[in-house]
């Protein structure tokens, strides 16, 4: 088992929101665990509805995307990610939408303060890496912009 296979297992753990994953291949055994942070925090908005975010655009088959030029917009703080300005409202952005520097992409709530996160460059949103209501970490990728 190599490092790349372990990274793939960690990605499966993250994407499927699992707390633990065990994989056995021959004599090799790997067990991955993570703490459930979201469960430890009280709900940020008890009455908030989950606002759906469009699924990532299938950019793998798009010959026009230069993966070396995809920019990852990262969270500048720890908090709760919100895709829209209020429950039931349309999301700020969707996958496939063109954005300009300064456009608000989401809100990250930290200590009861709503922090608008704006694009710092022009481009097209090719992926939203978190779901509405997710707890995000400092430096975690929120959007991929091409």
N, C-alpha and C. Protein backbone atom coordinates (compact mmCIF):
# COMPACT_ATOMS: atom_id res chain seq x y z
N UNK A 1 0.86 -1.17 0.00
CA UNK A 1 0.00 0.00 0.00
C UNK A 1 0.90 1.23 0.00
N UNK A 2 0.59 2.19 -0.88
CA UNK A 2 1.43 3.39 -0.96
C UNK A 2 0.67 4.61 -0.45
N UNK A 3 1.38 5.73 -0.38
CA UNK A 3 0.82 6.96 0.15
C UNK A 3 -0.39 7.43 -0.67
N UNK A 4 -0.33 7.28 -1.97
CA UNK A 4 -1.44 7.72 -2.83
C UNK A 4 -2.72 6.94 -2.50
N UNK A 5 -2.60 5.64 -2.25
CA UNK A 5 -3.77 4.84 -1.90
C UNK A 5 -4.36 5.30 -0.56
N UNK A 6 -3.49 5.66 0.38
CA UNK A 6 -3.96 6.14 1.68
C UNK A 6 -4.66 7.49 1.51
N UNK A 7 -4.12 8.35 0.64
CA UNK A 7 -4.78 9.64 0.36
C UNK A 7 -6.17 9.41 -0.23
N UNK A 8 -6.30 8.45 -1.13
CA UNK A 8 -7.60 8.15 -1.72
C UNK A 8 -8.59 7.67 -0.65
N UNK A 9 -8.11 6.85 0.29
CA UNK A 9 -8.97 6.40 1.38
C UNK A 9 -9.39 7.58 2.26
N UNK A 10 -8.47 8.49 2.52
CA UNK A 10 -8.80 9.68 3.32
C UNK A 10 -9.84 10.53 2.60
N UNK A 11 -9.75 10.63 1.29
CA UNK A 11 -10.73 11.38 0.49
C UNK A 11 -12.10 10.72 0.58
N UNK A 12 -12.15 9.39 0.52
CA UNK A 12 -13.41 8.65 0.67
C UNK A 12 -14.01 8.94 2.04
N UNK A 13 -13.17 8.96 3.07
CA UNK A 13 -13.61 9.25 4.43
C UNK A 13 -14.23 10.64 4.50
N UNK A 14 -13.56 11.64 3.89
CA UNK A 14 -14.04 13.03 3.93
C UNK A 14 -15.31 13.21 3.10
N UNK A 15 -15.31 12.72 1.86
CA UNK A 15 -16.44 12.93 0.95
C UNK A 15 -17.72 12.30 1.48
N UNK A 16 -17.60 11.13 2.08
CA UNK A 16 -18.77 10.42 2.59
C UNK A 16 -19.09 10.76 4.04
N UNK A 17 -18.35 11.72 4.61
CA UNK A 17 -18.58 12.19 5.97
C UNK A 17 -18.58 11.03 6.97
N UNK A 18 -17.58 10.15 6.84
CA UNK A 18 -17.46 9.00 7.73
C UNK A 18 -16.58 9.36 8.92
N UNK A 19 -16.79 8.70 10.05
CA UNK A 19 -15.95 8.91 11.23
C UNK A 19 -14.75 7.97 11.22
N UNK A 20 -14.90 6.80 10.59
CA UNK A 20 -13.81 5.83 10.57
C UNK A 20 -13.90 4.99 9.29
N UNK A 21 -12.74 4.50 8.87
CA UNK A 21 -12.66 3.65 7.68
C UNK A 21 -11.50 2.69 7.89
N UNK A 22 -11.77 1.41 7.67
CA UNK A 22 -10.72 0.40 7.81
C UNK A 22 -10.59 -0.33 6.49
N UNK A 23 -9.35 -0.52 6.04
CA UNK A 23 -9.08 -1.16 4.75
C UNK A 23 -7.99 -2.21 4.96
N UNK A 24 -8.24 -3.43 4.48
CA UNK A 24 -7.27 -4.51 4.60
C UNK A 24 -6.98 -5.06 3.21
N UNK A 25 -5.69 -5.18 2.91
CA UNK A 25 -5.25 -5.73 1.62
C UNK A 25 -4.05 -6.64 1.91
N UNK A 26 -4.28 -7.94 1.88
CA UNK A 26 -3.21 -8.88 2.21
C UNK A 26 -2.80 -8.71 3.66
N UNK A 27 -1.49 -8.47 3.88
CA UNK A 27 -0.98 -8.25 5.24
C UNK A 27 -1.09 -6.79 5.67
N UNK A 28 -1.37 -5.90 4.74
CA UNK A 28 -1.47 -4.47 5.07
C UNK A 28 -2.85 -4.13 5.62
N UNK A 29 -2.86 -3.34 6.67
CA UNK A 29 -4.13 -2.91 7.28
C UNK A 29 -4.02 -1.43 7.61
N UNK A 30 -5.02 -0.66 7.19
CA UNK A 30 -5.03 0.78 7.47
C UNK A 30 -6.37 1.12 8.10
N UNK A 31 -6.34 1.86 9.18
CA UNK A 31 -7.56 2.36 9.83
C UNK A 31 -7.43 3.87 9.94
N UNK A 32 -8.40 4.59 9.36
CA UNK A 32 -8.43 6.04 9.41
C UNK A 32 -9.62 6.47 10.25
N UNK A 33 -9.40 7.43 11.12
CA UNK A 33 -10.47 7.96 11.97
C UNK A 33 -10.38 9.47 11.97
N UNK A 34 -11.52 10.10 12.17
CA UNK A 34 -11.52 11.55 12.34
C UNK A 34 -12.60 11.92 13.34
N UNK A 35 -12.39 13.05 13.98
CA UNK A 35 -13.35 13.53 14.97
C UNK A 35 -14.52 14.16 14.24
N UNK A 36 -15.69 14.00 14.79
CA UNK A 36 -16.89 14.60 14.21
C UNK A 36 -17.06 15.99 14.81
N UNK A 37 -16.42 17.00 14.23
CA UNK A 37 -16.45 18.35 14.77
C UNK A 37 -17.82 18.98 14.71
N UNK A 38 -18.54 18.77 13.63
CA UNK A 38 -19.83 19.42 13.46
C UNK A 38 -20.81 19.01 14.56
N UNK A 39 -20.72 17.78 15.02
CA UNK A 39 -21.63 17.30 16.04
C UNK A 39 -21.34 17.95 17.40
N UNK A 40 -20.10 18.37 17.62
CA UNK A 40 -19.72 18.95 18.90
C UNK A 40 -20.18 20.40 19.03
N UNK A 41 -20.45 21.06 17.91
CA UNK A 41 -20.86 22.46 17.94
C UNK A 41 -22.38 22.56 17.94
N UNK A 42 -22.92 23.56 18.64
CA UNK A 42 -24.36 23.75 18.57
C UNK A 42 -24.74 24.26 17.19
N UNK A 43 -25.96 24.00 16.75
CA UNK A 43 -26.35 24.47 15.42
C UNK A 43 -26.25 25.99 15.35
N UNK A 44 -25.67 26.48 14.26
CA UNK A 44 -25.48 27.91 14.10
C UNK A 44 -26.81 28.62 13.90
N UNK A 45 -27.68 28.01 13.12
CA UNK A 45 -29.01 28.55 12.86
C UNK A 45 -30.00 27.39 12.99
N UNK A 46 -30.62 27.23 14.12
CA UNK A 46 -31.49 26.06 14.31
C UNK A 46 -32.62 25.96 13.30
N UNK A 47 -33.08 27.08 12.74
CA UNK A 47 -34.19 27.03 11.81
C UNK A 47 -33.75 27.15 10.35
N UNK A 48 -32.45 27.19 10.12
CA UNK A 48 -31.95 27.39 8.75
C UNK A 48 -32.22 26.15 7.91
N UNK A 49 -32.63 26.40 6.68
CA UNK A 49 -32.82 25.30 5.75
C UNK A 49 -31.51 25.03 5.03
N UNK A 50 -31.32 23.82 4.61
CA UNK A 50 -30.14 23.50 3.82
C UNK A 50 -30.37 24.01 2.41
N UNK A 51 -29.49 24.89 1.95
CA UNK A 51 -29.60 25.42 0.59
C UNK A 51 -28.75 24.54 -0.30
N UNK A 52 -29.35 23.90 -1.32
CA UNK A 52 -28.56 23.02 -2.17
C UNK A 52 -27.55 23.80 -3.00
N UNK A 53 -26.39 23.23 -3.14
CA UNK A 53 -25.34 23.78 -4.00
C UNK A 53 -25.27 22.86 -5.20
N UNK A 54 -25.15 23.43 -6.37
CA UNK A 54 -25.08 22.58 -7.55
C UNK A 54 -23.86 21.67 -7.48
N UNK A 55 -24.01 20.54 -8.09
CA UNK A 55 -22.92 19.58 -8.10
C UNK A 55 -21.75 20.13 -8.92
N UNK A 56 -20.52 19.69 -8.59
CA UNK A 56 -19.37 20.17 -9.34
C UNK A 56 -19.52 19.89 -10.83
N UNK A 57 -19.08 20.85 -11.61
CA UNK A 57 -19.12 20.69 -13.06
C UNK A 57 -18.18 19.57 -13.47
N UNK A 58 -18.55 18.77 -14.45
CA UNK A 58 -17.67 17.67 -14.87
C UNK A 58 -16.51 18.22 -15.69
N UNK A 59 -15.53 18.83 -15.00
CA UNK A 59 -14.44 19.48 -15.71
C UNK A 59 -13.37 18.50 -16.19
N UNK A 60 -13.43 17.25 -15.74
CA UNK A 60 -12.40 16.29 -16.14
C UNK A 60 -12.37 16.07 -17.65
N UNK A 61 -13.51 16.06 -18.30
CA UNK A 61 -13.56 15.83 -19.73
C UNK A 61 -13.49 17.10 -20.55
N UNK A 62 -13.45 18.25 -19.90
CA UNK A 62 -13.43 19.53 -20.59
C UNK A 62 -12.00 19.86 -21.01
N UNK A 63 -11.70 19.81 -22.31
CA UNK A 63 -10.33 20.07 -22.73
C UNK A 63 -9.92 21.52 -22.54
N UNK A 64 -10.87 22.43 -22.24
CA UNK A 64 -10.55 23.84 -22.09
C UNK A 64 -10.07 24.22 -20.70
N UNK A 65 -10.05 23.30 -19.74
CA UNK A 65 -9.63 23.61 -18.38
C UNK A 65 -8.18 23.22 -18.19
N UNK A 66 -7.37 24.18 -17.82
CA UNK A 66 -5.97 23.94 -17.49
C UNK A 66 -5.90 23.74 -15.98
N UNK A 67 -5.74 22.50 -15.51
CA UNK A 67 -5.78 22.21 -14.09
C UNK A 67 -4.68 22.94 -13.32
N UNK A 68 -3.63 23.30 -13.97
CA UNK A 68 -2.57 24.07 -13.32
C UNK A 68 -3.00 25.50 -13.04
N UNK A 69 -4.04 25.96 -13.73
CA UNK A 69 -4.50 27.34 -13.57
C UNK A 69 -5.73 27.45 -12.68
N UNK A 70 -6.24 26.34 -12.15
CA UNK A 70 -7.40 26.38 -11.27
C UNK A 70 -6.95 26.94 -9.92
N UNK A 71 -7.64 27.98 -9.48
CA UNK A 71 -7.31 28.65 -8.22
C UNK A 71 -8.25 28.16 -7.13
N UNK A 72 -7.72 27.87 -5.96
CA UNK A 72 -8.54 27.43 -4.84
C UNK A 72 -8.74 28.59 -3.88
N UNK A 73 -10.00 29.01 -3.72
CA UNK A 73 -10.32 30.05 -2.76
C UNK A 73 -10.49 29.37 -1.41
N UNK A 74 -9.67 29.75 -0.45
CA UNK A 74 -9.65 29.08 0.85
C UNK A 74 -10.31 29.94 1.93
N UNK A 75 -10.81 29.28 2.95
CA UNK A 75 -11.46 29.99 4.04
C UNK A 75 -10.43 30.74 4.87
N UNK A 76 -10.68 32.03 5.13
CA UNK A 76 -9.73 32.81 5.93
C UNK A 76 -9.95 32.63 7.43
N UNK A 77 -10.97 31.83 7.83
CA UNK A 77 -11.25 31.64 9.24
C UNK A 77 -12.04 30.36 9.46
N UNK A 78 -12.15 29.97 10.72
CA UNK A 78 -12.93 28.80 11.11
C UNK A 78 -14.36 29.27 11.36
N UNK A 79 -15.33 28.52 10.87
CA UNK A 79 -16.72 28.90 11.10
C UNK A 79 -17.67 28.01 10.34
N UNK A 80 -18.91 28.47 10.22
CA UNK A 80 -19.96 27.72 9.52
C UNK A 80 -20.17 28.36 8.15
N UNK A 81 -20.14 27.52 7.11
CA UNK A 81 -20.28 27.97 5.72
C UNK A 81 -21.76 28.11 5.37
N UNK A 82 -22.12 29.27 4.79
CA UNK A 82 -23.47 29.47 4.26
C UNK A 82 -23.37 29.91 2.81
N UNK A 83 -24.11 29.24 1.95
CA UNK A 83 -24.07 29.51 0.52
C UNK A 83 -24.97 30.67 0.11
N UNK A 84 -25.89 31.05 0.99
CA UNK A 84 -26.85 32.11 0.64
C UNK A 84 -26.93 33.14 1.76
N UNK A 85 -27.48 34.31 1.46
CA UNK A 85 -27.55 35.36 2.48
C UNK A 85 -28.56 35.09 3.59
N UNK A 86 -29.57 34.24 3.32
CA UNK A 86 -30.56 33.90 4.33
C UNK A 86 -31.19 32.55 3.97
N UNK A 87 -31.82 31.90 4.96
CA UNK A 87 -32.47 30.61 4.67
C UNK A 87 -33.52 30.77 3.58
N UNK A 88 -33.52 29.88 2.63
CA UNK A 88 -34.49 29.90 1.55
C UNK A 88 -34.11 30.79 0.38
N UNK A 89 -33.09 31.62 0.54
CA UNK A 89 -32.66 32.50 -0.55
C UNK A 89 -31.78 31.72 -1.53
N UNK A 90 -31.66 32.24 -2.73
CA UNK A 90 -30.80 31.62 -3.74
C UNK A 90 -29.34 31.74 -3.31
N UNK A 91 -28.50 30.76 -3.66
CA UNK A 91 -27.08 30.84 -3.31
C UNK A 91 -26.42 32.03 -4.00
N UNK A 92 -25.35 32.54 -3.38
CA UNK A 92 -24.60 33.64 -3.97
C UNK A 92 -24.08 33.27 -5.36
N UNK A 93 -23.50 32.06 -5.46
CA UNK A 93 -22.96 31.59 -6.74
C UNK A 93 -23.28 30.12 -6.93
N UNK A 94 -23.21 29.68 -8.17
CA UNK A 94 -23.39 28.27 -8.49
C UNK A 94 -22.24 27.85 -9.39
N UNK A 95 -22.01 26.56 -9.45
CA UNK A 95 -20.96 26.02 -10.31
C UNK A 95 -21.29 26.41 -11.75
N UNK A 96 -20.28 26.90 -12.45
CA UNK A 96 -20.45 27.30 -13.85
C UNK A 96 -20.64 28.80 -14.02
N UNK A 97 -20.84 29.52 -12.93
CA UNK A 97 -21.08 30.96 -13.01
C UNK A 97 -19.77 31.74 -13.06
N UNK A 98 -19.74 32.76 -13.89
CA UNK A 98 -18.59 33.67 -13.95
C UNK A 98 -18.68 34.62 -12.76
N UNK A 99 -17.55 34.88 -12.13
CA UNK A 99 -17.49 35.82 -11.01
C UNK A 99 -16.39 36.84 -11.29
N UNK A 100 -16.53 37.98 -10.66
CA UNK A 100 -15.52 39.03 -10.77
C UNK A 100 -14.92 39.26 -9.40
N UNK A 101 -13.72 39.76 -9.37
CA UNK A 101 -13.07 40.08 -8.10
C UNK A 101 -13.99 41.00 -7.30
N UNK A 102 -14.22 40.66 -6.04
CA UNK A 102 -15.10 41.44 -5.19
C UNK A 102 -16.50 40.88 -5.05
N UNK A 103 -16.91 39.97 -5.94
CA UNK A 103 -18.23 39.35 -5.82
C UNK A 103 -18.28 38.47 -4.57
N UNK A 104 -19.35 38.57 -3.81
CA UNK A 104 -19.52 37.73 -2.62
C UNK A 104 -19.87 36.32 -3.07
N UNK A 105 -19.13 35.33 -2.55
CA UNK A 105 -19.34 33.94 -2.92
C UNK A 105 -20.08 33.16 -1.83
N UNK A 106 -19.88 33.56 -0.56
CA UNK A 106 -20.51 32.84 0.54
C UNK A 106 -20.36 33.67 1.82
N UNK A 107 -20.86 33.11 2.90
CA UNK A 107 -20.70 33.70 4.23
C UNK A 107 -20.10 32.62 5.12
N UNK A 108 -19.15 33.01 5.96
CA UNK A 108 -18.64 32.12 6.99
C UNK A 108 -18.95 32.78 8.33
N UNK A 109 -19.80 32.10 9.12
CA UNK A 109 -20.19 32.63 10.43
C UNK A 109 -19.18 32.18 11.47
N UNK A 110 -18.66 33.14 12.20
CA UNK A 110 -17.71 32.85 13.28
C UNK A 110 -18.07 33.73 14.47
N UNK A 111 -18.33 33.12 15.60
CA UNK A 111 -18.65 33.84 16.83
C UNK A 111 -19.81 34.82 16.62
N UNK A 112 -20.84 34.37 15.96
CA UNK A 112 -22.07 35.13 15.70
C UNK A 112 -21.86 36.29 14.73
N UNK A 113 -20.71 36.36 14.08
CA UNK A 113 -20.45 37.38 13.07
C UNK A 113 -20.53 36.74 11.69
N UNK A 114 -21.25 37.38 10.79
CA UNK A 114 -21.38 36.88 9.43
C UNK A 114 -20.31 37.56 8.57
N UNK A 115 -19.33 36.77 8.12
CA UNK A 115 -18.21 37.28 7.33
C UNK A 115 -18.43 36.93 5.87
N UNK A 116 -18.60 37.95 5.03
CA UNK A 116 -18.76 37.71 3.60
C UNK A 116 -17.41 37.36 3.01
N UNK A 117 -17.37 36.30 2.23
CA UNK A 117 -16.15 35.88 1.56
C UNK A 117 -16.31 36.23 0.09
N UNK A 118 -15.41 37.08 -0.40
CA UNK A 118 -15.50 37.57 -1.78
C UNK A 118 -14.41 36.95 -2.64
N UNK A 119 -14.70 36.88 -3.93
CA UNK A 119 -13.70 36.41 -4.89
C UNK A 119 -12.57 37.43 -4.95
N UNK A 120 -11.35 36.94 -5.02
CA UNK A 120 -10.23 37.87 -5.11
C UNK A 120 -9.65 37.93 -6.53
N UNK A 121 -10.37 37.30 -7.46
CA UNK A 121 -9.97 37.35 -8.87
C UNK A 121 -11.17 37.01 -9.74
N UNK A 122 -11.08 37.37 -11.00
CA UNK A 122 -12.13 37.04 -11.96
C UNK A 122 -11.98 35.58 -12.38
N UNK A 123 -13.08 34.95 -12.75
CA UNK A 123 -13.01 33.58 -13.25
C UNK A 123 -14.36 32.91 -13.23
N UNK A 124 -14.33 31.62 -13.46
CA UNK A 124 -15.54 30.80 -13.51
C UNK A 124 -15.47 29.80 -12.35
N UNK A 125 -16.54 29.69 -11.58
CA UNK A 125 -16.59 28.74 -10.47
C UNK A 125 -16.76 27.34 -11.08
N UNK A 126 -15.75 26.48 -10.86
CA UNK A 126 -15.81 25.13 -11.42
C UNK A 126 -16.11 24.07 -10.36
N UNK A 127 -16.06 24.46 -9.07
CA UNK A 127 -16.36 23.50 -8.02
C UNK A 127 -16.66 24.24 -6.72
N UNK A 128 -17.66 23.77 -5.99
CA UNK A 128 -17.93 24.22 -4.63
C UNK A 128 -17.56 23.03 -3.74
N UNK A 129 -16.59 23.21 -2.88
CA UNK A 129 -16.00 22.09 -2.15
C UNK A 129 -16.66 21.80 -0.80
N UNK A 130 -17.62 22.61 -0.37
CA UNK A 130 -18.29 22.39 0.90
C UNK A 130 -19.80 22.54 0.72
N UNK A 131 -20.55 22.01 1.68
CA UNK A 131 -22.01 22.09 1.64
C UNK A 131 -22.50 23.17 2.61
N UNK A 132 -23.66 23.67 2.33
CA UNK A 132 -24.27 24.67 3.20
C UNK A 132 -24.40 24.10 4.61
N UNK A 133 -23.97 24.87 5.60
CA UNK A 133 -24.06 24.44 6.99
C UNK A 133 -22.85 23.68 7.49
N UNK A 134 -21.88 23.36 6.60
CA UNK A 134 -20.67 22.66 7.02
C UNK A 134 -19.79 23.57 7.87
N UNK A 135 -19.10 22.97 8.84
CA UNK A 135 -18.07 23.70 9.59
C UNK A 135 -16.81 23.65 8.75
N UNK A 136 -16.22 24.82 8.50
CA UNK A 136 -14.99 24.88 7.70
C UNK A 136 -13.82 25.30 8.57
N UNK A 137 -12.66 24.85 8.19
CA UNK A 137 -11.42 25.14 8.90
C UNK A 137 -10.69 26.29 8.22
N UNK A 138 -9.78 26.91 8.94
CA UNK A 138 -8.91 27.92 8.35
C UNK A 138 -8.09 27.26 7.25
N UNK A 139 -8.07 27.84 6.08
CA UNK A 139 -7.28 27.32 4.97
C UNK A 139 -7.96 26.23 4.17
N UNK A 140 -9.18 25.83 4.53
CA UNK A 140 -9.90 24.80 3.78
C UNK A 140 -10.41 25.39 2.47
N UNK A 141 -10.29 24.63 1.40
CA UNK A 141 -10.75 25.09 0.09
C UNK A 141 -12.28 25.17 0.08
N UNK A 142 -12.80 26.35 -0.30
CA UNK A 142 -14.23 26.55 -0.40
C UNK A 142 -14.71 26.42 -1.85
N UNK A 143 -13.99 27.09 -2.77
CA UNK A 143 -14.35 27.10 -4.18
C UNK A 143 -13.11 26.90 -5.02
N UNK A 144 -13.31 26.34 -6.21
CA UNK A 144 -12.26 26.28 -7.21
C UNK A 144 -12.71 27.18 -8.36
N UNK A 145 -11.81 28.09 -8.74
CA UNK A 145 -12.13 29.09 -9.78
C UNK A 145 -11.11 28.95 -10.89
N UNK A 146 -11.62 28.95 -12.13
CA UNK A 146 -10.76 28.84 -13.32
C UNK A 146 -10.86 30.08 -14.13
